[in-house]
Amino acid sequence: MKENPAYQAVTVMKVDWDVHSGGEVAQEHGVRQRATLVMLSGGEEIGRVSWSAKREDIEPLFKAAI
């Protein structure tokens, strides 16, 4: 976000898997495993990444969201 100020327009919400894995947010978005990033725009999923913290995996989601 520091390298591309446009990404600051993206709201990030962290959901603790250990606490909320069976909860409404995880179920609503079909999150079945920890370390899952789901990108939404207008309430619709535009992409997801699981088990990766690589920039090349995550950045396309931020680009799609702005």
C-alpha atoms as a PDB file:
ATOM      1  CA  MET A   1       0.000   0.000   0.000  1.00  0.00           C
ATOM      2  CA  LYS A   2       2.901   2.338   0.615  1.00  0.00           C
ATOM      3  CA  GLU A   3       4.213   1.765  -2.921  1.00  0.00           C
ATOM      4  CA  ASN A   4       0.855   2.363  -4.592  1.00  0.00           C
ATOM      5  CA  PRO A   5      -1.335   4.921  -2.811  1.00  0.00           C
ATOM      6  CA  ALA A   6      -4.349   3.847  -4.906  1.00  0.00           C
ATOM      7  CA  TYR A   7      -4.475   0.619  -2.868  1.00  0.00           C
ATOM      8  CA  GLN A   8      -5.382   2.682   0.202  1.00  0.00           C
ATOM      9  CA  ALA A   9      -8.897   2.863  -1.252  1.00  0.00           C
ATOM     10  CA  VAL A  10      -9.238  -0.881  -0.583  1.00  0.00           C
ATOM     11  CA  THR A  11     -10.730  -1.761   2.797  1.00  0.00           C
ATOM     12  CA  VAL A  12      -8.986  -4.722   4.441  1.00  0.00           C
ATOM     13  CA  MET A  13     -10.795  -6.841   7.002  1.00  0.00           C
ATOM     14  CA  LYS A  14      -8.947  -9.535   8.928  1.00  0.00           C
ATOM     15  CA  VAL A  15     -10.951 -12.465  10.266  1.00  0.00           C
ATOM     16  CA  ASP A  16      -9.222 -14.692  12.821  1.00  0.00           C
ATOM     17  CA  TRP A  17      -9.644 -18.265  11.551  1.00  0.00           C
ATOM     18  CA  ASP A  18      -9.174 -19.803  14.993  1.00  0.00           C
ATOM     19  CA  VAL A  19     -12.115 -17.787  16.306  1.00  0.00           C
ATOM     20  CA  HIS A  20     -14.393 -17.486  13.256  1.00  0.00           C
ATOM     21  CA  SER A  21     -13.749 -20.536  11.044  1.00  0.00           C
ATOM     22  CA  GLY A  22     -17.313 -21.746  11.517  1.00  0.00           C
ATOM     23  CA  GLY A  23     -18.789 -18.275  11.534  1.00  0.00           C
ATOM     24  CA  GLU A  24     -21.028 -16.360   9.188  1.00  0.00           C
ATOM     25  CA  VAL A  25     -18.283 -14.525   7.259  1.00  0.00           C
ATOM     26  CA  ALA A  26     -16.301 -17.705   6.522  1.00  0.00           C
ATOM     27  CA  GLN A  27     -19.426 -19.612   5.501  1.00  0.00           C
ATOM     28  CA  GLU A  28     -20.861 -16.784   3.401  1.00  0.00           C
ATOM     29  CA  HIS A  29     -17.670 -16.523   1.350  1.00  0.00           C
ATOM     30  CA  GLY A  30     -16.855 -20.235   1.210  1.00  0.00           C
ATOM     31  CA  VAL A  31     -13.602 -19.932   3.151  1.00  0.00           C
ATOM     32  CA  ARG A  32     -12.691 -23.479   4.105  1.00  0.00           C
ATOM     33  CA  GLN A  33      -9.094 -23.010   5.184  1.00  0.00           C
ATOM     34  CA  ARG A  34      -6.943 -20.494   7.002  1.00  0.00           C
ATOM     35  CA  ALA A  35      -4.663 -18.126   5.098  1.00  0.00           C
ATOM     36  CA  THR A  36      -7.280 -17.222   2.504  1.00  0.00           C
ATOM     37  CA  LEU A  37      -7.568 -13.741   1.015  1.00  0.00           C
ATOM     38  CA  VAL A  38     -10.929 -13.017  -0.610  1.00  0.00           C
ATOM     39  CA  MET A  39     -11.239  -9.793  -2.612  1.00  0.00           C
ATOM     40  CA  LEU A  40     -14.733  -8.344  -2.956  1.00  0.00           C
ATOM     41  CA  SER A  41     -16.027  -5.437  -4.986  1.00  0.00           C
ATOM     42  CA  GLY A  42     -19.609  -4.334  -4.571  1.00  0.00           C
ATOM     43  CA  GLY A  43     -20.246  -7.400  -2.441  1.00  0.00           C
ATOM     44  CA  GLU A  44     -19.195  -9.784  -5.224  1.00  0.00           C
ATOM     45  CA  GLU A  45     -16.037 -11.879  -5.177  1.00  0.00           C
ATOM     46  CA  ILE A  46     -13.511 -10.809  -7.777  1.00  0.00           C
ATOM     47  CA  GLY A  47     -10.767 -13.218  -6.752  1.00  0.00           C
ATOM     48  CA  ARG A  48      -9.074 -15.148  -3.986  1.00  0.00           C
ATOM     49  CA  VAL A  49      -5.665 -16.423  -2.965  1.00  0.00           C
ATOM     50  CA  SER A  50      -4.957 -19.189  -0.468  1.00  0.00           C
ATOM     51  CA  TRP A  51      -1.708 -19.936   1.321  1.00  0.00           C
ATOM     52  CA  SER A  52       0.380 -17.291  -0.416  1.00  0.00           C
ATOM     53  CA  ALA A  53       1.900 -14.035   0.737  1.00  0.00           C
ATOM     54  CA  LYS A  54       3.659 -13.468  -2.582  1.00  0.00           C
ATOM     55  CA  ARG A  55       3.207 -10.057  -4.094  1.00  0.00           C
ATOM     56  CA  GLU A  56       2.668 -11.524  -7.568  1.00  0.00           C
ATOM     57  CA  ASP A  57      -0.297 -13.523  -6.222  1.00  0.00           C
ATOM     58  CA  ILE A  58      -1.929 -10.768  -4.175  1.00  0.00           C
ATOM     59  CA  GLU A  59      -1.317  -7.612  -6.204  1.00  0.00           C
ATOM     60  CA  PRO A  60      -3.651  -8.580  -9.097  1.00  0.00           C
ATOM     61  CA  LEU A  61      -6.510  -8.716  -6.590  1.00  0.00           C
ATOM     62  CA  PHE A  62      -5.773  -5.174  -5.410  1.00  0.00           C
ATOM     63  CA  LYS A  63      -5.496  -3.956  -9.009  1.00  0.00           C
ATOM     64  CA  ALA A  64      -8.871  -5.518  -9.819  1.00  0.00           C
ATOM     65  CA  ALA A  65     -10.454  -3.879  -6.774  1.00  0.00           C
ATOM     66  CA  ILE A  66      -9.492  -0.288  -7.597  1.00  0.00           C
END
